[in-house]
Amino acid sequence: MPSPCPRLTAQDLTLELLATPAEVSGVRRALRSYGIDVQLCASELVTNVIRHVGEGVPVTVRVWEEEGGRVRVGVTDPDPRALPVLVAAAGAEAESGRGLALLDALALRWGVEQEAGRKTVWCELLVCGPDMPERPGRRRPSAGALGQSSARS
């Protein structure tokens, strides 16, 4: 039986797509081997592009392994002005507003890189390590961080 902890290769994964709801599920499928946390964070970032930049805009989703068992997810879109904002907890009746809070809870750190004509919202996750159970989708408390823009860095 294969290990439930994803074993990553040194290869990067890059997906070029248009931000549509159908593509969000395609992103999750493409990232299945990285584990549920990576799938969830990447799909949430693409969903934010759809909601705050617009449906059908071109995005690049990139996933790569960093040192120490960390995986970095970056979603690049063409609007450097539409920055993510971590807001107070959404109420029980709210239909949205939980995505960045979920990303914040799962990621070791996250932030925004702005360039002329585009931005990349990124996050780093610890997929497997000596102090973690060998299963994707484990829940652990959010790490403390310093603020950069409105995101953790």
Protein backbone atom coordinates (compact mmCIF):
# COMPACT_ATOMS: atom_id res chain seq x y z
CA MET A 1 0.00 0.00 0.00
CA PRO A 2 1.44 3.44 -0.92
CA SER A 3 2.34 5.88 1.82
CA PRO A 4 -0.42 8.43 2.51
CA CYS A 5 2.27 11.12 2.75
CA PRO A 6 2.94 12.53 -0.73
CA ARG A 7 6.50 11.99 -1.89
CA LEU A 8 7.34 14.81 -4.20
CA THR A 9 9.83 14.95 -7.00
CA ALA A 10 12.18 17.80 -7.82
CA GLN A 11 9.98 18.70 -10.80
CA ASP A 12 7.91 21.85 -10.74
CA LEU A 13 4.30 21.73 -11.84
CA THR A 14 2.95 24.67 -13.82
CA LEU A 15 -0.64 24.97 -15.01
CA GLU A 16 -1.71 27.72 -17.42
CA LEU A 17 -5.48 28.17 -17.46
CA LEU A 18 -8.39 30.55 -17.55
CA ALA A 19 -9.95 31.20 -14.15
CA THR A 20 -13.32 29.48 -14.36
CA PRO A 21 -15.21 27.34 -11.86
CA ALA A 22 -14.64 24.26 -14.06
CA GLU A 23 -10.90 24.84 -13.96
CA VAL A 24 -10.89 24.95 -10.14
CA SER A 25 -11.80 21.26 -9.99
CA GLY A 26 -9.19 20.59 -12.69
CA VAL A 27 -6.56 22.25 -10.50
CA ARG A 28 -7.54 20.00 -7.59
CA ARG A 29 -7.26 16.91 -9.81
CA ALA A 30 -3.87 18.00 -11.19
CA LEU A 31 -2.53 18.51 -7.65
CA ARG A 32 -3.90 15.28 -6.17
CA SER A 33 -0.42 13.82 -5.63
CA TYR A 34 0.56 16.82 -3.47
CA GLY A 35 -2.11 16.13 -0.86
CA ILE A 36 -5.32 17.73 0.25
CA ASP A 37 -3.80 20.86 1.85
CA VAL A 38 -2.03 21.84 -1.38
CA GLN A 39 -5.16 21.08 -3.42
CA LEU A 40 -7.31 23.15 -1.09
CA CYS A 41 -4.99 26.16 -0.97
CA ALA A 42 -4.44 26.23 -4.74
CA SER A 43 -8.13 25.89 -5.53
CA GLU A 44 -8.96 28.61 -3.00
CA LEU A 45 -6.45 30.99 -4.59
CA VAL A 46 -7.87 30.34 -8.08
CA THR A 47 -11.40 30.84 -6.72
CA ASN A 48 -10.29 34.20 -5.31
CA VAL A 49 -9.09 35.23 -8.77
CA ILE A 50 -12.51 34.36 -10.20
CA ARG A 51 -14.32 36.29 -7.47
CA HIS A 52 -12.09 39.37 -7.22
CA VAL A 53 -10.39 39.74 -10.61
CA GLY A 54 -12.92 38.13 -12.94
CA GLU A 55 -13.98 34.89 -14.51
CA GLY A 56 -11.99 33.88 -17.55
CA VAL A 57 -8.78 35.81 -16.80
CA PRO A 58 -5.55 33.92 -17.46
CA VAL A 59 -3.82 32.50 -14.40
CA THR A 60 -0.72 30.46 -13.78
CA VAL A 61 -0.71 27.95 -10.95
CA ARG A 62 2.75 26.83 -9.97
CA VAL A 63 3.73 24.25 -7.34
CA TRP A 64 7.26 23.33 -6.37
CA GLU A 65 9.12 21.73 -3.53
CA GLU A 66 11.29 23.86 -1.28
CA GLU A 67 13.85 22.72 1.27
CA GLY A 68 12.70 21.01 4.44
CA GLY A 69 9.63 19.26 3.04
CA ARG A 70 7.87 22.51 2.24
CA VAL A 71 5.77 22.97 -0.86
CA ARG A 72 5.16 26.40 -2.33
CA VAL A 73 2.01 27.19 -4.28
CA GLY A 74 1.82 30.36 -6.35
CA VAL A 75 -1.16 31.66 -8.32
CA THR A 76 -0.39 34.52 -10.70
CA ASP A 77 -3.07 36.74 -12.25
CA PRO A 78 -2.98 39.93 -14.33
CA ASP A 79 -4.31 42.38 -11.71
CA PRO A 80 -1.65 43.66 -9.29
CA ARG A 81 -4.22 45.88 -7.54
CA ALA A 82 -6.71 43.22 -6.36
CA LEU A 83 -4.92 42.16 -3.18
CA PRO A 84 -6.12 39.44 -0.83
CA VAL A 85 -7.35 40.60 2.56
CA LEU A 86 -7.65 38.34 5.57
CA VAL A 87 -10.88 39.41 7.27
CA ALA A 88 -12.42 38.57 10.62
CA ALA A 89 -14.16 35.21 10.84
CA ALA A 90 -17.21 34.88 8.63
CA GLY A 91 -20.50 34.34 10.43
CA ALA A 92 -22.39 31.07 10.29
CA GLU A 93 -24.81 32.49 7.71
CA ALA A 94 -22.13 34.03 5.44
CA GLU A 95 -21.84 32.50 1.98
CA SER A 96 -18.20 33.46 1.56
CA GLY A 97 -15.23 34.87 3.44
CA ARG A 98 -13.63 31.72 4.81
CA GLY A 99 -11.12 30.95 2.07
CA LEU A 100 -8.16 33.06 3.17
CA ALA A 101 -8.79 32.15 6.80
CA LEU A 102 -8.55 28.50 5.80
CA LEU A 103 -5.39 29.15 3.80
CA ASP A 104 -3.97 31.09 6.75
CA ALA A 105 -4.65 28.15 9.07
CA LEU A 106 -3.10 25.57 6.74
CA ALA A 107 -0.07 27.47 5.44
CA LEU A 108 3.20 28.00 7.25
CA ARG A 109 3.24 31.43 5.67
CA TRP A 110 1.72 33.24 2.72
CA GLY A 111 1.98 36.54 0.94
CA VAL A 112 1.78 38.54 -2.25
CA GLU A 113 4.44 39.43 -4.81
CA GLN A 114 3.45 42.40 -6.97
CA GLU A 115 5.02 43.14 -10.33
CA ALA A 116 4.11 45.45 -13.20
CA GLY A 117 0.92 44.06 -14.70
CA ARG A 118 0.52 41.04 -12.41
CA LYS A 119 0.67 39.64 -8.91
CA THR A 120 1.34 36.25 -7.40
CA VAL A 121 -0.39 35.13 -4.23
CA TRP A 122 1.63 32.32 -2.70
CA CYS A 123 1.67 30.06 0.28
CA GLU A 124 4.05 27.51 1.76
CA LEU A 125 2.86 24.29 3.31
CA LEU A 126 4.68 21.56 5.16
CA VAL A 127 3.58 18.42 3.37
CA CYS A 128 5.56 15.92 5.43
CA GLY A 129 8.07 16.22 8.18
CA PRO A 130 9.39 14.50 11.28
CA ASP A 131 6.84 16.13 13.59
CA MET A 132 3.82 15.49 11.40
CA PRO A 133 1.62 12.45 10.93
CA GLU A 134 2.16 10.82 7.55
CA ARG A 135 -1.14 11.81 6.02
CA PRO A 136 -2.23 14.70 3.88
CA GLY A 137 -4.90 16.99 5.20
CA ARG A 138 -3.75 16.99 8.82
CA ARG A 139 -4.85 19.95 10.89
CA ARG A 140 -2.32 21.95 12.88
CA PRO A 141 -2.35 25.40 14.38
CA SER A 142 -1.28 28.32 12.24
CA ALA A 143 2.33 29.41 12.68
CA GLY A 144 3.03 32.91 13.95
CA ALA A 145 4.18 35.35 11.31
CA LEU A 146 5.05 38.90 10.46
CA GLY A 147 2.64 40.87 8.30
CA GLN A 148 3.39 41.83 4.71
CA SER A 149 0.64 43.78 2.99
CA SER A 150 -2.50 42.19 4.37
CA ALA A 151 -1.04 38.69 4.27
CA ARG A 152 1.33 36.64 6.33
CA SER A 153 4.85 36.34 5.02
